[in-house]
């Protein structure tokens, strides 16, 4: 789908391309790709790069075009009803008065940016300033999703305090994976922003906007790193708790095993098919039972007051 957006008191959709407008391309078909190629002479390599889900953030140039590849956050619901966070590439292509974004993956960044521009009654935003604005919106959405992940971490922590099971541990591991995706993508976006900043030194641009993008990107990266560290420490703590619980169970089983060995040894001794003086005595079995009970009590008292199982 190809949409044309003109900025006047916020972005509004127009029917055809005009100089300086924003060409928003989403999941393009072959015919739409042909329009981009024939009318705007867009390098097809740049378009195909945006289709690769593993494409890294970078800045590239070809045939007068400048490609800014960033990764935007995405959220979806899987078949089990669980929330899944990931990142996807967003290609920004700039040449003279032509500005194109290409996205093959659903995300909330672009549509929310359009609504935000209307609320702010934005009068002008094109070229590199529009690139910076989109990167700012991307960082804001990273922070929004990080807040949601933090809430999910708190819920998982409360559940594991009540009952620690494999499902909750798997959810925590999934959140750790999402945070790694975010951290890696934000680091790439920060590198791209640094290259854009160097290029903008000799070009007119909004200094305040550039500073806002730097602040929000760094804040999102720091927040993701902090949450990842917290989650790692929580998992280490849960591993220690599981290990302590296992040690406690093994100690209990060891004590029970030792105590049960005493009547087993006595019964085996007096049950051997050899004369021992007890086989014909009327108090033989009660005596063997009493000896077992006394020895078990003495052994339990010794274990309880010793330091072997503390």
C-alpha atoms as a PDB file:
ATOM      1  CA  UNK A   1       0.000   0.000   0.000  1.00  0.00           C
ATOM      2  CA  UNK A   2       1.266   3.450  -0.946  1.00  0.00           C
ATOM      3  CA  UNK A   3      -0.101   6.542   0.797  1.00  0.00           C
ATOM      4  CA  UNK A   4       0.874  10.175   0.303  1.00  0.00           C
ATOM      5  CA  UNK A   5       0.889  12.483   3.309  1.00  0.00           C
ATOM      6  CA  UNK A   6       1.273  16.259   3.273  1.00  0.00           C
ATOM      7  CA  UNK A   7       2.172  18.183   6.415  1.00  0.00           C
ATOM      8  CA  UNK A   8      -0.129  21.120   7.174  1.00  0.00           C
ATOM      9  CA  UNK A   9      -1.402  21.384  10.740  1.00  0.00           C
ATOM     10  CA  UNK A  10      -0.355  17.762  11.013  1.00  0.00           C
ATOM     11  CA  UNK A  11      -0.051  15.125   8.326  1.00  0.00           C
ATOM     12  CA  UNK A  12      -3.089  14.703   6.092  1.00  0.00           C
ATOM     13  CA  UNK A  13      -3.459  12.150   3.317  1.00  0.00           C
ATOM     14  CA  UNK A  14      -3.517  13.391  -0.286  1.00  0.00           C
ATOM     15  CA  UNK A  15      -4.404  11.586  -3.501  1.00  0.00           C
ATOM     16  CA  UNK A  16      -1.137  11.937  -5.374  1.00  0.00           C
ATOM     17  CA  UNK A  17       2.475  12.785  -4.838  1.00  0.00           C
ATOM     18  CA  UNK A  18       3.511  16.402  -4.388  1.00  0.00           C
ATOM     19  CA  UNK A  19       6.949  17.801  -3.844  1.00  0.00           C
ATOM     20  CA  UNK A  20       8.027  17.461  -0.214  1.00  0.00           C
ATOM     21  CA  UNK A  21       5.280  15.069   0.791  1.00  0.00           C
ATOM     22  CA  UNK A  22       5.802  11.837   2.691  1.00  0.00           C
ATOM     23  CA  UNK A  23       5.388   8.603   0.706  1.00  0.00           C
ATOM     24  CA  UNK A  24       4.351   5.945   3.221  1.00  0.00           C
ATOM     25  CA  UNK A  25       4.775   2.437   1.803  1.00  0.00           C
ATOM     26  CA  UNK A  26       3.422  -0.519   3.775  1.00  0.00           C
ATOM     27  CA  UNK A  27       3.663  -4.147   2.632  1.00  0.00           C
ATOM     28  CA  UNK A  28       4.085  -3.138  -1.027  1.00  0.00           C
ATOM     29  CA  UNK A  29       2.898  -5.376  -3.848  1.00  0.00           C
ATOM     30  CA  UNK A  30       4.895  -6.013  -7.017  1.00  0.00           C
ATOM     31  CA  UNK A  31       2.913  -3.339  -8.868  1.00  0.00           C
ATOM     32  CA  UNK A  32       3.597  -0.807  -6.125  1.00  0.00           C
ATOM     33  CA  UNK A  33       7.289  -1.680  -6.185  1.00  0.00           C
ATOM     34  CA  UNK A  34       7.242  -1.047  -9.925  1.00  0.00           C
ATOM     35  CA  UNK A  35       5.773   2.421  -9.270  1.00  0.00           C
ATOM     36  CA  UNK A  36       8.582   3.212  -6.851  1.00  0.00           C
ATOM     37  CA  UNK A  37      11.145   1.974  -9.353  1.00  0.00           C
ATOM     38  CA  UNK A  38       9.749   3.636 -12.487  1.00  0.00           C
ATOM     39  CA  UNK A  39       8.515   6.938 -11.077  1.00  0.00           C
ATOM     40  CA  UNK A  40      11.043   7.658  -8.346  1.00  0.00           C
ATOM     41  CA  UNK A  41      13.956   5.458  -9.445  1.00  0.00           C
ATOM     42  CA  UNK A  42      14.278   3.923  -5.996  1.00  0.00           C
ATOM     43  CA  UNK A  43      17.126   1.349  -5.746  1.00  0.00           C
ATOM     44  CA  UNK A  44      15.479  -2.058  -5.445  1.00  0.00           C
ATOM     45  CA  UNK A  45      18.265  -3.275  -3.170  1.00  0.00           C
ATOM     46  CA  UNK A  46      17.157  -0.779  -0.535  1.00  0.00           C
ATOM     47  CA  UNK A  47      13.571  -1.991  -0.786  1.00  0.00           C
ATOM     48  CA  UNK A  48      14.526  -5.651  -0.494  1.00  0.00           C
ATOM     49  CA  UNK A  49      16.730  -4.859   2.503  1.00  0.00           C
ATOM     50  CA  UNK A  50      13.667  -3.527   4.320  1.00  0.00           C
ATOM     51  CA  UNK A  51      11.976  -6.903   3.784  1.00  0.00           C
ATOM     52  CA  UNK A  52      14.698  -8.765   5.683  1.00  0.00           C
ATOM     53  CA  UNK A  53      13.538  -9.129   9.284  1.00  0.00           C
ATOM     54  CA  UNK A  54      17.151  -9.444  10.450  1.00  0.00           C
ATOM     55  CA  UNK A  55      18.349  -6.284   8.673  1.00  0.00           C
ATOM     56  CA  UNK A  56      20.587  -4.221  10.941  1.00  0.00           C
ATOM     57  CA  UNK A  57      20.324  -0.432  11.407  1.00  0.00           C
ATOM     58  CA  UNK A  58      22.648   1.438   9.078  1.00  0.00           C
ATOM     59  CA  UNK A  59      23.080   4.444   6.783  1.00  0.00           C
ATOM     60  CA  UNK A  60      23.811   3.877   3.092  1.00  0.00           C
ATOM     61  CA  UNK A  61      23.958   5.857  -0.159  1.00  0.00           C
ATOM     62  CA  UNK A  62      23.253   4.874  -3.758  1.00  0.00           C
ATOM     63  CA  UNK A  63      22.359   6.829  -6.909  1.00  0.00           C
ATOM     64  CA  UNK A  64      21.738  10.029  -4.975  1.00  0.00           C
ATOM     65  CA  UNK A  65      19.522   8.262  -2.430  1.00  0.00           C
ATOM     66  CA  UNK A  66      20.238   8.202   1.269  1.00  0.00           C
ATOM     67  CA  UNK A  67      19.004   5.116   3.124  1.00  0.00           C
ATOM     68  CA  UNK A  68      18.427   5.278   6.864  1.00  0.00           C
ATOM     69  CA  UNK A  69      17.578   1.840   8.196  1.00  0.00           C
ATOM     70  CA  UNK A  70      16.292   1.765  11.767  1.00  0.00           C
ATOM     71  CA  UNK A  71      14.574  -0.879  13.818  1.00  0.00           C
ATOM     72  CA  UNK A  72      11.174  -0.117  15.323  1.00  0.00           C
ATOM     73  CA  UNK A  73       9.459  -1.982  18.184  1.00  0.00           C
ATOM     74  CA  UNK A  74       6.539  -4.295  17.440  1.00  0.00           C
ATOM     75  CA  UNK A  75       3.985  -6.050  19.626  1.00  0.00           C
ATOM     76  CA  UNK A  76       1.768  -9.009  18.772  1.00  0.00           C
ATOM     77  CA  UNK A  77      -0.250 -11.775  20.418  1.00  0.00           C
ATOM     78  CA  UNK A  78       0.769 -15.385  19.765  1.00  0.00           C
ATOM     79  CA  UNK A  79      -1.481 -18.435  19.498  1.00  0.00           C
ATOM     80  CA  UNK A  80      -1.369 -19.003  23.263  1.00  0.00           C
ATOM     81  CA  UNK A  81      -2.571 -15.475  23.977  1.00  0.00           C
ATOM     82  CA  UNK A  82       0.837 -14.340  25.211  1.00  0.00           C
ATOM     83  CA  UNK A  83       2.185 -10.889  24.355  1.00  0.00           C
ATOM     84  CA  UNK A  84       5.259 -10.994  22.127  1.00  0.00           C
ATOM     85  CA  UNK A  85       7.633  -8.060  21.682  1.00  0.00           C
ATOM     86  CA  UNK A  86      10.125  -7.843  18.864  1.00  0.00           C
ATOM     87  CA  UNK A  87      11.714  -5.347  16.492  1.00  0.00           C
ATOM     88  CA  UNK A  88      11.484  -4.918  12.734  1.00  0.00           C
ATOM     89  CA  UNK A  89      13.322  -2.848  10.114  1.00  0.00           C
ATOM     90  CA  UNK A  90      11.978   0.455   8.842  1.00  0.00           C
ATOM     91  CA  UNK A  91      13.628   1.912   5.729  1.00  0.00           C
ATOM     92  CA  UNK A  92      13.735   5.685   5.261  1.00  0.00           C
ATOM     93  CA  UNK A  93      14.823   6.863   1.798  1.00  0.00           C
ATOM     94  CA  UNK A  94      15.631  10.510   1.045  1.00  0.00           C
ATOM     95  CA  UNK A  95      16.589  12.220  -2.204  1.00  0.00           C
ATOM     96  CA  UNK A  96      16.049  15.922  -2.845  1.00  0.00           C
ATOM     97  CA  UNK A  97      12.321  16.529  -2.249  1.00  0.00           C
ATOM     98  CA  UNK A  98      11.333  12.846  -2.151  1.00  0.00           C
ATOM     99  CA  UNK A  99      10.854  11.187   1.240  1.00  0.00           C
ATOM    100  CA  UNK A 100       9.826   7.512   1.425  1.00  0.00           C
ATOM    101  CA  UNK A 101       9.351   5.084   4.306  1.00  0.00           C
ATOM    102  CA  UNK A 102       9.050   1.361   3.621  1.00  0.00           C
ATOM    103  CA  UNK A 103       7.784  -1.088   6.208  1.00  0.00           C
ATOM    104  CA  UNK A 104       6.927  -4.742   5.681  1.00  0.00           C
ATOM    105  CA  UNK A 105       5.936  -5.384   9.288  1.00  0.00           C
ATOM    106  CA  UNK A 106       3.035  -4.104  11.366  1.00  0.00           C
ATOM    107  CA  UNK A 107       3.938  -1.539  13.992  1.00  0.00           C
ATOM    108  CA  UNK A 108       2.283   1.332  15.824  1.00  0.00           C
ATOM    109  CA  UNK A 109       5.036   3.873  15.305  1.00  0.00           C
ATOM    110  CA  UNK A 110       4.005   5.411  11.976  1.00  0.00           C
ATOM    111  CA  UNK A 111       0.249   5.656  12.570  1.00  0.00           C
ATOM    112  CA  UNK A 112       0.782   7.063  16.056  1.00  0.00           C
ATOM    113  CA  UNK A 113       3.236   9.619  14.657  1.00  0.00           C
ATOM    114  CA  UNK A 114       0.609  10.810  12.179  1.00  0.00           C
ATOM    115  CA  UNK A 115      -1.970  11.219  14.948  1.00  0.00           C
ATOM    116  CA  UNK A 116       0.582  12.991  17.138  1.00  0.00           C
ATOM    117  CA  UNK A 117       1.422  15.434  14.324  1.00  0.00           C
ATOM    118  CA  UNK A 118      -2.275  16.338  14.050  1.00  0.00           C
ATOM    119  CA  UNK A 119      -2.592  16.887  17.802  1.00  0.00           C
ATOM    120  CA  UNK A 120       0.501  19.090  17.777  1.00  0.00           C
ATOM    121  CA  UNK A 121      -0.715  20.855  14.613  1.00  0.00           C
ATOM    122  CA  UNK A 122       2.685  20.395  13.029  1.00  0.00           C
ATOM    123  CA  UNK A 123       3.172  22.877  10.202  1.00  0.00           C
ATOM    124  CA  UNK A 124       6.304  21.632   8.524  1.00  0.00           C
ATOM    125  CA  UNK A 125       8.330  18.466   8.762  1.00  0.00           C
ATOM    126  CA  UNK A 126      10.341  17.155   5.854  1.00  0.00           C
ATOM    127  CA  UNK A 127      13.661  15.692   4.914  1.00  0.00           C
ATOM    128  CA  UNK A 128      16.065  15.119   7.768  1.00  0.00           C
ATOM    129  CA  UNK A 129      13.746  16.696  10.341  1.00  0.00           C
ATOM    130  CA  UNK A 130      11.087  14.161   9.424  1.00  0.00           C
ATOM    131  CA  UNK A 131      13.673  11.403   9.805  1.00  0.00           C
ATOM    132  CA  UNK A 132      14.543  12.685  13.268  1.00  0.00           C
ATOM    133  CA  UNK A 133      10.860  12.945  14.178  1.00  0.00           C
ATOM    134  CA  UNK A 134      10.270   9.328  13.176  1.00  0.00           C
ATOM    135  CA  UNK A 135      13.296   8.217  15.175  1.00  0.00           C
ATOM    136  CA  UNK A 136      11.972  10.187  18.149  1.00  0.00           C
ATOM    137  CA  UNK A 137       8.602   8.469  17.843  1.00  0.00           C
ATOM    138  CA  UNK A 138      10.418   5.123  17.605  1.00  0.00           C
ATOM    139  CA  UNK A 139      12.281   5.761  20.865  1.00  0.00           C
ATOM    140  CA  UNK A 140       9.047   6.825  22.576  1.00  0.00           C
ATOM    141  CA  UNK A 141       7.393   3.558  21.573  1.00  0.00           C
ATOM    142  CA  UNK A 142      10.384   1.608  22.859  1.00  0.00           C
ATOM    143  CA  UNK A 143       9.812   3.279  26.232  1.00  0.00           C
ATOM    144  CA  UNK A 144       6.071   2.511  26.118  1.00  0.00           C
ATOM    145  CA  UNK A 145       6.699  -1.170  25.449  1.00  0.00           C
ATOM    146  CA  UNK A 146       9.400  -1.273  28.119  1.00  0.00           C
ATOM    147  CA  UNK A 147       6.864  -0.015  30.664  1.00  0.00           C
ATOM    148  CA  UNK A 148       4.519  -2.802  29.612  1.00  0.00           C
ATOM    149  CA  UNK A 149       7.307  -5.353  29.956  1.00  0.00           C
ATOM    150  CA  UNK A 150       8.118  -4.004  33.410  1.00  0.00           C
ATOM    151  CA  UNK A 151       4.483  -4.512  34.429  1.00  0.00           C
ATOM    152  CA  UNK A 152       4.662  -8.073  33.080  1.00  0.00           C
ATOM    153  CA  UNK A 153       7.857  -8.651  35.069  1.00  0.00           C
ATOM    154  CA  UNK A 154       6.133  -7.489  38.260  1.00  0.00           C
ATOM    155  CA  UNK A 155       3.168  -9.804  37.642  1.00  0.00           C
ATOM    156  CA  UNK A 156       5.469 -12.746  36.955  1.00  0.00           C
ATOM    157  CA  UNK A 157       7.425 -11.974  40.123  1.00  0.00           C
ATOM    158  CA  UNK A 158       4.261 -11.936  42.237  1.00  0.00           C
ATOM    159  CA  UNK A 159       3.135 -15.243  40.745  1.00  0.00           C
ATOM    160  CA  UNK A 160       6.508 -16.900  41.341  1.00  0.00           C
ATOM    161  CA  UNK A 161       6.495 -15.744  44.957  1.00  0.00           C
ATOM    162  CA  UNK A 162       3.227 -17.656  45.439  1.00  0.00           C
ATOM    163  CA  UNK A 163       4.023 -20.651  43.260  1.00  0.00           C
ATOM    164  CA  UNK A 164       7.187 -21.182  41.294  1.00  0.00           C
ATOM    165  CA  UNK A 165       6.454 -23.295  38.241  1.00  0.00           C
ATOM    166  CA  UNK A 166       7.918 -23.824  34.796  1.00  0.00           C
ATOM    167  CA  UNK A 167       5.359 -21.621  33.025  1.00  0.00           C
ATOM    168  CA  UNK A 168       6.320 -18.529  35.012  1.00  0.00           C
ATOM    169  CA  UNK A 169      10.009 -19.243  34.548  1.00  0.00           C
ATOM    170  CA  UNK A 170       9.470 -19.554  30.791  1.00  0.00           C
ATOM    171  CA  UNK A 171       7.640 -16.205  30.758  1.00  0.00           C
ATOM    172  CA  UNK A 172      10.563 -14.598  32.551  1.00  0.00           C
ATOM    173  CA  UNK A 173      12.987 -16.104  30.034  1.00  0.00           C
ATOM    174  CA  UNK A 174      10.805 -14.777  27.203  1.00  0.00           C
ATOM    175  CA  UNK A 175      10.912 -11.271  28.655  1.00  0.00           C
ATOM    176  CA  UNK A 176      14.683 -11.520  28.835  1.00  0.00           C
ATOM    177  CA  UNK A 177      14.777 -12.412  25.151  1.00  0.00           C
ATOM    178  CA  UNK A 178      12.568  -9.429  24.278  1.00  0.00           C
ATOM    179  CA  UNK A 179      14.836  -7.102  26.251  1.00  0.00           C
ATOM    180  CA  UNK A 180      17.883  -8.372  24.377  1.00  0.00           C
ATOM    181  CA  UNK A 181      16.095  -7.609  21.089  1.00  0.00           C
ATOM    182  CA  UNK A 182      15.346  -4.085  22.293  1.00  0.00           C
ATOM    183  CA  UNK A 183      18.866  -3.424  23.560  1.00  0.00           C
ATOM    184  CA  UNK A 184      20.479  -4.637  20.341  1.00  0.00           C
ATOM    185  CA  UNK A 185      18.118  -2.600  18.161  1.00  0.00           C
ATOM    186  CA  UNK A 186      18.489   0.551  20.270  1.00  0.00           C
ATOM    187  CA  UNK A 187      22.268   0.318  20.092  1.00  0.00           C
ATOM    188  CA  UNK A 188      21.998   0.093  16.312  1.00  0.00           C
ATOM    189  CA  UNK A 189      19.624   3.056  16.188  1.00  0.00           C
ATOM    190  CA  UNK A 190      21.994   5.072  18.364  1.00  0.00           C
ATOM    191  CA  UNK A 191      24.835   4.350  15.943  1.00  0.00           C
ATOM    192  CA  UNK A 192      22.669   5.457  13.006  1.00  0.00           C
ATOM    193  CA  UNK A 193      21.728   8.633  14.872  1.00  0.00           C
ATOM    194  CA  UNK A 194      25.399   9.412  15.455  1.00  0.00           C
ATOM    195  CA  UNK A 195      26.097   9.112  11.719  1.00  0.00           C
ATOM    196  CA  UNK A 196      23.105  11.302  10.866  1.00  0.00           C
ATOM    197  CA  UNK A 197      24.305  13.900  13.377  1.00  0.00           C
ATOM    198  CA  UNK A 198      27.682  14.073  11.648  1.00  0.00           C
ATOM    199  CA  UNK A 199      25.985  14.542   8.286  1.00  0.00           C
ATOM    200  CA  UNK A 200      23.673  17.275   9.605  1.00  0.00           C
ATOM    201  CA  UNK A 201      26.525  19.483  10.749  1.00  0.00           C
ATOM    202  CA  UNK A 202      26.600  21.153   7.333  1.00  0.00           C
ATOM    203  CA  UNK A 203      22.842  21.012   6.688  1.00  0.00           C
ATOM    204  CA  UNK A 204      19.940  23.012   8.136  1.00  0.00           C
ATOM    205  CA  UNK A 205      18.057  21.065  10.793  1.00  0.00           C
ATOM    206  CA  UNK A 206      16.238  21.412  14.092  1.00  0.00           C
ATOM    207  CA  UNK A 207      18.864  21.313  16.836  1.00  0.00           C
ATOM    208  CA  UNK A 208      16.291  20.859  19.608  1.00  0.00           C
ATOM    209  CA  UNK A 209      14.706  17.947  17.778  1.00  0.00           C
ATOM    210  CA  UNK A 210      18.083  16.267  17.334  1.00  0.00           C
ATOM    211  CA  UNK A 211      18.814  16.683  21.029  1.00  0.00           C
ATOM    212  CA  UNK A 212      15.407  15.221  21.938  1.00  0.00           C
ATOM    213  CA  UNK A 213      16.066  12.167  19.777  1.00  0.00           C
ATOM    214  CA  UNK A 214      19.444  11.618  21.425  1.00  0.00           C
ATOM    215  CA  UNK A 215      17.953  11.912  24.898  1.00  0.00           C
ATOM    216  CA  UNK A 216      15.003   9.606  24.226  1.00  0.00           C
ATOM    217  CA  UNK A 217      17.137   6.996  22.474  1.00  0.00           C
ATOM    218  CA  UNK A 218      19.668   6.937  25.301  1.00  0.00           C
ATOM    219  CA  UNK A 219      16.893   6.828  27.885  1.00  0.00           C
ATOM    220  CA  UNK A 220      15.248   3.867  26.138  1.00  0.00           C
ATOM    221  CA  UNK A 221      18.599   2.066  25.934  1.00  0.00           C
ATOM    222  CA  UNK A 222      19.372   2.717  29.611  1.00  0.00           C
ATOM    223  CA  UNK A 223      15.882   1.605  30.659  1.00  0.00           C
ATOM    224  CA  UNK A 224      16.116  -1.624  28.660  1.00  0.00           C
ATOM    225  CA  UNK A 225      19.562  -2.338  30.121  1.00  0.00           C
ATOM    226  CA  UNK A 226      18.321  -1.722  33.683  1.00  0.00           C
ATOM    227  CA  UNK A 227      15.306  -3.995  33.213  1.00  0.00           C
ATOM    228  CA  UNK A 228      17.538  -6.669  31.721  1.00  0.00           C
ATOM    229  CA  UNK A 229      19.900  -6.485  34.703  1.00  0.00           C
ATOM    230  CA  UNK A 230      16.970  -6.674  37.125  1.00  0.00           C
ATOM    231  CA  UNK A 231      15.557  -9.688  35.310  1.00  0.00           C
ATOM    232  CA  UNK A 232      18.950 -11.431  35.325  1.00  0.00           C
ATOM    233  CA  UNK A 233      19.277 -10.906  39.069  1.00  0.00           C
ATOM    234  CA  UNK A 234      15.738 -12.138  39.649  1.00  0.00           C
ATOM    235  CA  UNK A 235      16.471 -15.289  37.692  1.00  0.00           C
ATOM    236  CA  UNK A 236      19.670 -15.819  39.682  1.00  0.00           C
ATOM    237  CA  UNK A 237      17.693 -15.370  42.904  1.00  0.00           C
ATOM    238  CA  UNK A 238      15.047 -17.844  41.765  1.00  0.00           C
ATOM    239  CA  UNK A 239      17.771 -20.310  40.816  1.00  0.00           C
ATOM    240  CA  UNK A 240      19.221 -19.969  44.321  1.00  0.00           C
ATOM    241  CA  UNK A 241      15.795 -20.489  45.885  1.00  0.00           C
ATOM    242  CA  UNK A 242      15.211 -23.592  43.761  1.00  0.00           C
ATOM    243  CA  UNK A 243      18.652 -24.890  44.722  1.00  0.00           C
ATOM    244  CA  UNK A 244      17.998 -24.273  48.426  1.00  0.00           C
ATOM    245  CA  UNK A 245      14.626 -26.002  48.239  1.00  0.00           C
ATOM    246  CA  UNK A 246      16.211 -28.955  46.502  1.00  0.00           C
ATOM    247  CA  UNK A 247      18.947 -29.155  49.147  1.00  0.00           C
ATOM    248  CA  UNK A 248      16.328 -29.083  51.886  1.00  0.00           C
ATOM    249  CA  UNK A 249      14.398 -31.912  50.244  1.00  0.00           C
ATOM    250  CA  UNK A 250      17.565 -33.961  49.755  1.00  0.00           C
ATOM    251  CA  UNK A 251      18.517 -33.455  53.423  1.00  0.00           C
ATOM    252  CA  UNK A 252      15.084 -34.661  54.520  1.00  0.00           C
ATOM    253  CA  UNK A 253      15.272 -37.701  52.270  1.00  0.00           C
ATOM    254  CA  UNK A 254      18.779 -38.464  53.526  1.00  0.00           C
ATOM    255  CA  UNK A 255      17.639 -38.366  57.173  1.00  0.00           C
ATOM    256  CA  UNK A 256      14.646 -40.604  56.413  1.00  0.00           C
ATOM    257  CA  UNK A 257      16.904 -43.044  54.536  1.00  0.00           C
ATOM    258  CA  UNK A 258      19.380 -43.238  57.453  1.00  0.00           C
ATOM    259  CA  UNK A 259      16.597 -43.813  59.993  1.00  0.00           C
ATOM    260  CA  UNK A 260      14.994 -46.538  57.884  1.00  0.00           C
ATOM    261  CA  UNK A 261      18.328 -48.323  57.532  1.00  0.00           C
ATOM    262  CA  UNK A 262      18.403 -49.076  61.286  1.00  0.00           C
ATOM    263  CA  UNK A 263      15.342 -51.397  61.462  1.00  0.00           C
ATOM    264  CA  UNK A 264      16.389 -52.890  58.145  1.00  0.00           C
ATOM    265  CA  UNK A 265      19.818 -53.863  59.540  1.00  0.00           C
ATOM    266  CA  UNK A 266      18.358 -55.229  62.786  1.00  0.00           C
ATOM    267  CA  UNK A 267      15.652 -57.176  60.973  1.00  0.00           C
ATOM    268  CA  UNK A 268      18.241 -58.576  58.607  1.00  0.00           C
ATOM    269  CA  UNK A 269      20.531 -59.599  61.460  1.00  0.00           C
ATOM    270  CA  UNK A 270      17.849 -61.352  63.507  1.00  0.00           C
ATOM    271  CA  UNK A 271      16.209 -62.771  60.446  1.00  0.00           C
ATOM    272  CA  UNK A 272      19.239 -64.719  59.275  1.00  0.00           C
ATOM    273  CA  UNK A 273      18.844 -68.498  59.162  1.00  0.00           C
ATOM    274  CA  UNK A 274      21.464 -69.092  61.900  1.00  0.00           C
ATOM    275  CA  UNK A 275      21.076 -69.671  65.639  1.00  0.00           C
ATOM    276  CA  UNK A 276      21.151 -66.381  67.592  1.00  0.00           C
ATOM    277  CA  UNK A 277      19.239 -67.176  70.773  1.00  0.00           C
ATOM    278  CA  UNK A 278      16.193 -65.131  69.761  1.00  0.00           C
ATOM    279  CA  UNK A 279      14.478 -67.466  67.371  1.00  0.00           C
ATOM    280  CA  UNK A 280      12.610 -69.353  70.095  1.00  0.00           C
ATOM    281  CA  UNK A 281      12.314 -66.581  72.674  1.00  0.00           C
ATOM    282  CA  UNK A 282       8.693 -65.322  73.106  1.00  0.00           C
ATOM    283  CA  UNK A 283       9.915 -61.715  73.409  1.00  0.00           C
ATOM    284  CA  UNK A 284      12.246 -61.921  70.426  1.00  0.00           C
ATOM    285  CA  UNK A 285      10.225 -59.835  67.966  1.00  0.00           C
ATOM    286  CA  UNK A 286       9.134 -57.166  70.503  1.00  0.00           C
ATOM    287  CA  UNK A 287      12.741 -56.907  71.680  1.00  0.00           C
ATOM    288  CA  UNK A 288      14.057 -56.435  68.132  1.00  0.00           C
ATOM    289  CA  UNK A 289      11.357 -53.835  67.520  1.00  0.00           C
ATOM    290  CA  UNK A 290      12.217 -51.996  70.739  1.00  0.00           C
ATOM    291  CA  UNK A 291      15.926 -51.974  69.873  1.00  0.00           C
ATOM    292  CA  UNK A 292      15.099 -50.525  66.450  1.00  0.00           C
ATOM    293  CA  UNK A 293      12.938 -47.769  67.919  1.00  0.00           C
ATOM    294  CA  UNK A 294      15.548 -46.852  70.536  1.00  0.00           C
ATOM    295  CA  UNK A 295      18.383 -46.737  68.000  1.00  0.00           C
ATOM    296  CA  UNK A 296      16.266 -44.688  65.576  1.00  0.00           C
ATOM    297  CA  UNK A 297      15.460 -42.195  68.333  1.00  0.00           C
ATOM    298  CA  UNK A 298      19.128 -41.923  69.333  1.00  0.00           C
ATOM    299  CA  UNK A 299      20.179 -41.493  65.692  1.00  0.00           C
ATOM    300  CA  UNK A 300      17.529 -38.811  65.116  1.00  0.00           C
ATOM    301  CA  UNK A 301      18.608 -36.958  68.251  1.00  0.00           C
ATOM    302  CA  UNK A 302      22.234 -37.102  67.131  1.00  0.00           C
ATOM    303  CA  UNK A 303      21.379 -35.824  63.645  1.00  0.00           C
ATOM    304  CA  UNK A 304      19.170 -33.055  65.005  1.00  0.00           C
ATOM    305  CA  UNK A 305      21.866 -31.720  67.342  1.00  0.00           C
ATOM    306  CA  UNK A 306      24.795 -32.224  64.993  1.00  0.00           C
ATOM    307  CA  UNK A 307      25.943 -29.764  62.277  1.00  0.00           C
ATOM    308  CA  UNK A 308      25.994 -32.301  59.470  1.00  0.00           C
ATOM    309  CA  UNK A 309      22.576 -31.351  58.092  1.00  0.00           C
ATOM    310  CA  UNK A 310      22.367 -27.655  58.977  1.00  0.00           C
END
